[in-house]
Amino acid sequence: MSESALKPGVRAGRDGGLGWGLKIVVGLIGLLLIAPTAVVIPMSFSSGTTFQFPPEGWSLRWYESFFTSERWMRSLLTSVQIGLLVAVTATVLGVAVAFGLNRAGFRGRGAIRSLMLAPLIVPSIVVAVAIYGVFLKWQLNGTALGYVVAHTVMALPFVVTVMSTSLAGYDRTLDTAAATLGATAWTTFFRITVPLVAPGVLSGFVFAFVMSLDEVVIALFLQTPDIQTLPVQMYNSITLEIDPTIAAASSLMVVATSIVLLMPQFVRRKRSTS
């Protein structure tokens, strides 16, 4: 009998987990990626009137400036409203497209899938110029509908990609088993398919919302004095004036997007442990 057979715990540990060396490397890479973004958080608590790291003093003045400013609050509310509308629209369309591409056996399916990924491949400035030119004719510039349509176009590839991955691991024999037991197509869809692909739908919703919340290039082309998203307000704050309030806004964006992006992971972990 081999030594590995006599020590199953050692063998399982080597095959089922990451070694300490790999864990350290992954941790260092994660720290390298997060550190430049995390620097803005202590800067947001500075008592100075300019950007400085590390801060000489600590204060909540810039958070107070953010939450008491009508301009910043209006842009934040606009971003959240547009982001939620985009997330719902992109999720509904993306789920439908993913199901169609996954279950339909027509020719040209690969070409359509590649076309759906075009907004991720084409530079944002090119997409922004194209959308701006079309929206001028449709009179959608400076409207909430224009923002929702433009951001939905950009968010749709994320939803389709996530849902396609989720459907790739879906066992179609479950549908057949449900049909043999007398379940209708709609019953099978809502009682079996939807619960199994729910994590993918949630992930697509989150990605679409975060994409809309962070998007700035297209929003710069669509902005008007009456409707500006939070990223546009942040861009104007750093280019037109030196306002440290942007540090507080950036910190809130980092924390909020991190929490939203981690939500699907917590949901998956809860489902796997239940």
Protein backbone atom coordinates (compact mmCIF):
# COMPACT_ATOMS: atom_id res chain seq x y z
CA MET A 1 0.00 0.00 0.00
CA SER A 2 1.38 3.40 -0.96
CA GLU A 3 2.22 6.15 1.50
CA SER A 4 -0.38 8.49 -0.08
CA ALA A 5 -3.09 5.91 0.57
CA LEU A 6 -2.03 5.69 4.23
CA LYS A 7 -2.33 9.48 4.55
CA PRO A 8 -5.58 10.45 2.82
CA GLY A 9 -5.77 13.76 4.65
CA VAL A 10 -2.46 14.89 3.21
CA ARG A 11 -3.43 13.88 -0.29
CA ALA A 12 -6.85 15.55 -0.08
CA GLY A 13 -5.25 18.73 1.21
CA ARG A 14 -2.84 18.82 -1.71
CA ASP A 15 -5.48 18.13 -4.35
CA GLY A 16 -8.40 20.11 -2.92
CA GLY A 17 -6.77 23.33 -1.68
CA LEU A 18 -4.31 26.00 -2.69
CA GLY A 19 -0.75 25.83 -1.43
CA TRP A 20 0.55 28.55 0.83
CA GLY A 21 2.86 29.84 -1.86
CA LEU A 22 0.02 30.29 -4.34
CA LYS A 23 -2.16 31.90 -1.67
CA ILE A 24 0.58 34.44 -0.92
CA VAL A 25 1.02 35.24 -4.61
CA VAL A 26 -2.74 35.68 -5.10
CA GLY A 27 -2.91 37.88 -2.00
CA LEU A 28 -0.05 40.08 -3.19
CA ILE A 29 -1.61 40.48 -6.65
CA GLY A 30 -4.95 41.38 -5.06
CA LEU A 31 -3.24 43.92 -2.81
CA LEU A 32 -1.42 45.41 -5.81
CA LEU A 33 -4.71 45.84 -7.66
CA ILE A 34 -6.66 47.23 -4.71
CA ALA A 35 -4.06 49.52 -3.13
CA PRO A 36 -4.22 52.39 -5.69
CA THR A 37 -8.00 52.50 -5.38
CA ALA A 38 -8.01 52.17 -1.59
CA VAL A 39 -5.69 55.18 -1.20
CA VAL A 40 -8.60 57.49 -1.90
CA ILE A 41 -10.45 56.32 1.25
CA PRO A 42 -8.05 57.85 3.84
CA MET A 43 -7.77 60.95 1.62
CA SER A 44 -11.51 61.45 1.93
CA PHE A 45 -11.14 61.92 5.70
CA SER A 46 -8.55 64.68 5.32
CA SER A 47 -9.08 68.01 7.04
CA GLY A 48 -7.03 69.83 4.40
CA THR A 49 -8.32 71.82 1.45
CA THR A 50 -6.26 69.94 -1.15
CA PHE A 51 -5.47 66.32 -1.98
CA GLN A 52 -2.80 64.96 0.30
CA PHE A 53 -1.68 61.48 1.29
CA PRO A 54 -1.27 60.71 4.09
CA PRO A 55 -3.61 63.37 5.50
CA GLU A 56 -2.19 65.75 8.09
CA GLY A 57 -5.50 65.87 9.97
CA TRP A 58 -8.75 63.95 10.06
CA SER A 59 -12.20 65.29 9.43
CA LEU A 60 -15.63 64.43 7.99
CA ARG A 61 -15.96 67.81 6.27
CA TRP A 62 -15.88 66.39 2.74
CA TYR A 63 -18.55 63.81 3.49
CA GLU A 64 -20.64 66.59 4.94
CA SER A 65 -19.99 68.63 1.81
CA PHE A 66 -21.08 65.69 -0.35
CA PHE A 67 -24.31 64.90 1.48
CA THR A 68 -25.34 68.54 1.88
CA SER A 69 -24.65 69.54 -1.72
CA GLU A 70 -27.73 69.62 -3.93
CA ARG A 71 -25.56 69.13 -7.01
CA TRP A 72 -23.84 65.99 -5.72
CA MET A 73 -27.06 64.51 -4.33
CA ARG A 74 -28.93 65.14 -7.57
CA SER A 75 -26.22 63.42 -9.61
CA LEU A 76 -26.14 60.47 -7.16
CA LEU A 77 -29.91 60.03 -7.34
CA THR A 78 -29.79 60.24 -11.14
CA SER A 79 -27.09 57.55 -11.31
CA VAL A 80 -28.97 55.19 -8.98
CA GLN A 81 -32.26 55.61 -10.83
CA ILE A 82 -30.69 55.09 -14.25
CA GLY A 83 -28.60 52.18 -12.94
CA LEU A 84 -31.65 50.33 -11.62
CA LEU A 85 -33.59 50.85 -14.85
CA VAL A 86 -30.61 49.68 -16.89
CA ALA A 87 -30.10 46.64 -14.65
CA VAL A 88 -33.73 45.55 -15.00
CA THR A 89 -33.85 46.16 -18.76
CA ALA A 90 -30.49 44.56 -19.51
CA THR A 91 -31.26 41.56 -17.31
CA VAL A 92 -34.59 40.85 -18.99
CA LEU A 93 -33.15 41.22 -22.50
CA GLY A 94 -29.90 39.42 -21.65
CA VAL A 95 -31.63 36.42 -20.10
CA ALA A 96 -33.90 36.12 -23.15
CA VAL A 97 -30.96 36.36 -25.55
CA ALA A 98 -28.89 33.86 -23.55
CA PHE A 99 -31.75 31.34 -23.54
CA GLY A 100 -32.25 31.82 -27.27
CA LEU A 101 -28.57 31.34 -28.06
CA ASN A 102 -28.30 28.35 -25.73
CA ARG A 103 -31.38 26.42 -26.78
CA ALA A 104 -32.01 27.40 -30.41
CA GLY A 105 -30.13 25.47 -33.06
CA PHE A 106 -30.08 27.94 -35.94
CA ARG A 107 -27.15 28.85 -38.16
CA GLY A 108 -25.23 32.01 -37.41
CA ARG A 109 -25.58 31.59 -33.67
CA GLY A 110 -21.85 32.10 -33.19
CA ALA A 111 -21.90 35.29 -35.27
CA ILE A 112 -24.76 36.69 -33.21
CA ARG A 113 -22.93 35.81 -29.98
CA SER A 114 -19.82 37.61 -31.24
CA LEU A 115 -21.92 40.62 -32.28
CA MET A 116 -23.38 40.81 -28.79
CA LEU A 117 -19.84 41.19 -27.41
CA ALA A 118 -19.01 44.11 -29.73
CA PRO A 119 -19.59 46.83 -27.08
CA LEU A 120 -16.90 45.17 -24.94
CA ILE A 121 -14.38 45.08 -27.78
CA VAL A 122 -14.93 48.42 -29.49
CA PRO A 123 -13.33 51.37 -27.64
CA SER A 124 -15.80 53.29 -25.50
CA ILE A 125 -15.10 56.57 -27.25
CA VAL A 126 -16.07 55.04 -30.61
CA VAL A 127 -19.33 53.72 -29.16
CA ALA A 128 -19.99 57.09 -27.50
CA VAL A 129 -19.55 59.04 -30.74
CA ALA A 130 -21.81 56.61 -32.60
CA ILE A 131 -24.51 56.78 -29.93
CA TYR A 132 -24.25 60.58 -29.79
CA GLY A 133 -24.75 60.87 -33.56
CA VAL A 134 -27.77 58.54 -33.57
CA PHE A 135 -29.33 60.08 -30.48
CA LEU A 136 -29.12 63.55 -32.03
CA LYS A 137 -31.51 62.37 -34.74
CA TRP A 138 -33.75 60.59 -32.25
CA GLN A 139 -33.67 63.57 -29.84
CA LEU A 140 -32.57 61.38 -26.95
CA ASN A 141 -29.54 63.40 -25.85
CA GLY A 142 -29.95 64.78 -22.36
CA THR A 143 -32.88 62.50 -21.52
CA ALA A 144 -33.19 59.71 -18.97
CA LEU A 145 -34.42 57.41 -21.73
CA GLY A 146 -31.26 58.10 -23.72
CA TYR A 147 -29.08 57.17 -20.76
CA VAL A 148 -31.04 53.97 -20.16
CA VAL A 149 -30.87 52.89 -23.81
CA ALA A 150 -27.16 53.68 -24.16
CA HIS A 151 -26.16 52.01 -20.91
CA THR A 152 -28.33 48.99 -21.68
CA VAL A 153 -26.41 48.51 -24.92
CA MET A 154 -23.16 48.52 -22.94
CA ALA A 155 -24.47 46.29 -20.13
CA LEU A 156 -26.15 43.67 -22.30
CA PRO A 157 -22.91 41.77 -23.14
CA PHE A 158 -22.17 41.31 -19.43
CA VAL A 159 -25.58 39.78 -18.77
CA VAL A 160 -25.43 37.55 -21.85
CA THR A 161 -21.95 36.30 -20.94
CA VAL A 162 -22.85 35.53 -17.32
CA MET A 163 -26.12 33.83 -18.27
CA SER A 164 -24.48 31.81 -21.06
CA THR A 165 -21.97 30.49 -18.54
CA SER A 166 -24.76 29.65 -16.10
CA LEU A 167 -26.81 27.86 -18.77
CA ALA A 168 -23.77 25.91 -20.00
CA GLY A 169 -23.85 23.89 -16.76
CA TYR A 170 -27.61 23.42 -16.78
CA ASP A 171 -28.76 19.80 -17.07
CA ARG A 172 -31.51 19.63 -19.70
CA THR A 173 -32.57 16.19 -18.50
CA LEU A 174 -34.29 17.93 -15.60
CA ASP A 175 -36.72 19.49 -18.08
CA THR A 176 -37.37 16.09 -19.62
CA ALA A 177 -37.97 14.54 -16.20
CA ALA A 178 -40.41 17.32 -15.29
CA ALA A 179 -42.27 16.85 -18.58
CA THR A 180 -42.63 13.12 -18.01
CA LEU A 181 -44.16 13.86 -14.61
CA GLY A 182 -46.82 16.05 -16.24
CA ALA A 183 -45.35 19.52 -15.71
CA THR A 184 -46.10 22.12 -18.35
CA ALA A 185 -43.38 24.15 -20.02
CA TRP A 186 -44.15 27.22 -17.89
CA THR A 187 -44.25 25.16 -14.68
CA THR A 188 -40.88 23.63 -15.54
CA PHE A 189 -39.45 27.04 -16.31
CA PHE A 190 -40.56 28.75 -13.09
CA ARG A 191 -40.23 25.78 -10.71
CA ILE A 192 -36.98 24.24 -12.00
CA THR A 193 -35.11 26.42 -14.49
CA VAL A 194 -35.44 29.79 -12.75
CA PRO A 195 -34.28 28.61 -9.28
CA LEU A 196 -31.25 26.87 -10.81
CA VAL A 197 -30.11 29.83 -12.92
CA ALA A 198 -31.09 32.46 -10.31
CA PRO A 199 -27.45 33.09 -9.24
CA GLY A 200 -26.55 33.83 -12.86
CA VAL A 201 -29.49 36.21 -13.21
CA LEU A 202 -28.49 38.00 -10.00
CA SER A 203 -24.88 38.27 -11.19
CA GLY A 204 -26.01 39.71 -14.52
CA PHE A 205 -28.24 42.24 -12.72
CA VAL A 206 -25.36 43.31 -10.48
CA PHE A 207 -22.89 43.65 -13.35
CA ALA A 208 -25.37 45.72 -15.36
CA PHE A 209 -26.05 48.03 -12.42
CA VAL A 210 -22.38 48.55 -11.61
CA MET A 211 -21.52 49.14 -15.27
CA SER A 212 -24.17 51.86 -15.53
CA LEU A 213 -23.15 53.36 -12.20
CA ASP A 214 -19.47 53.65 -13.22
CA GLU A 215 -19.85 54.54 -16.93
CA VAL A 216 -18.54 58.02 -17.76
CA VAL A 217 -17.51 58.23 -21.43
CA ILE A 218 -20.98 57.88 -22.97
CA ALA A 219 -22.49 59.89 -20.11
CA LEU A 220 -20.20 62.82 -20.98
CA PHE A 221 -21.69 62.91 -24.48
CA LEU A 222 -25.28 62.65 -23.25
CA GLN A 223 -25.07 65.09 -20.33
CA THR A 224 -26.92 68.37 -20.05
CA PRO A 225 -26.99 70.89 -17.20
CA ASP A 226 -30.27 69.33 -16.05
CA ILE A 227 -29.20 65.66 -16.03
CA GLN A 228 -25.74 64.51 -14.99
CA THR A 229 -24.69 61.20 -13.51
CA LEU A 230 -22.35 60.92 -10.55
CA PRO A 231 -19.29 59.90 -12.67
CA VAL A 232 -19.84 62.97 -14.87
CA GLN A 233 -20.08 65.19 -11.81
CA MET A 234 -16.87 63.65 -10.49
CA TYR A 235 -15.16 64.20 -13.84
CA ASN A 236 -16.22 67.86 -13.91
CA SER A 237 -15.13 68.27 -10.30
CA ILE A 238 -11.58 67.10 -11.02
CA THR A 239 -11.15 68.87 -14.38
CA LEU A 240 -12.95 72.17 -13.88
CA GLU A 241 -12.14 72.73 -10.21
CA ILE A 242 -10.08 71.22 -7.40
CA ASP A 243 -12.76 70.04 -5.03
CA PRO A 244 -11.70 67.44 -2.43
CA THR A 245 -15.35 66.42 -2.15
CA ILE A 246 -14.56 64.06 -5.01
CA ALA A 247 -12.48 61.99 -2.57
CA ALA A 248 -15.58 61.35 -0.46
CA ALA A 249 -17.63 60.59 -3.59
CA SER A 250 -14.94 58.21 -4.85
CA SER A 251 -14.74 56.40 -1.51
CA LEU A 252 -18.50 55.91 -1.47
CA MET A 253 -18.38 54.59 -5.04
CA VAL A 254 -15.60 52.12 -4.20
CA VAL A 255 -17.38 50.80 -1.10
CA ALA A 256 -20.80 50.66 -2.75
CA THR A 257 -19.63 48.86 -5.89
CA SER A 258 -17.55 46.42 -3.85
CA ILE A 259 -20.54 45.51 -1.68
CA VAL A 260 -22.82 45.13 -4.70
CA LEU A 261 -20.32 42.96 -6.58
CA LEU A 262 -19.81 40.70 -3.55
CA MET A 263 -23.55 40.11 -3.09
CA PRO A 264 -23.76 37.24 -5.63
CA GLN A 265 -20.83 35.52 -3.90
CA PHE A 266 -22.61 35.62 -0.55
CA VAL A 267 -25.79 34.32 -2.16
CA ARG A 268 -23.92 31.43 -3.78
CA ARG A 269 -22.16 30.54 -0.53
CA LYS A 270 -25.45 30.62 1.38
CA ARG A 271 -27.11 28.37 -1.22
CA SER A 272 -24.21 25.90 -1.14
CA THR A 273 -24.21 25.64 2.66
CA SER A 274 -28.00 25.38 3.02
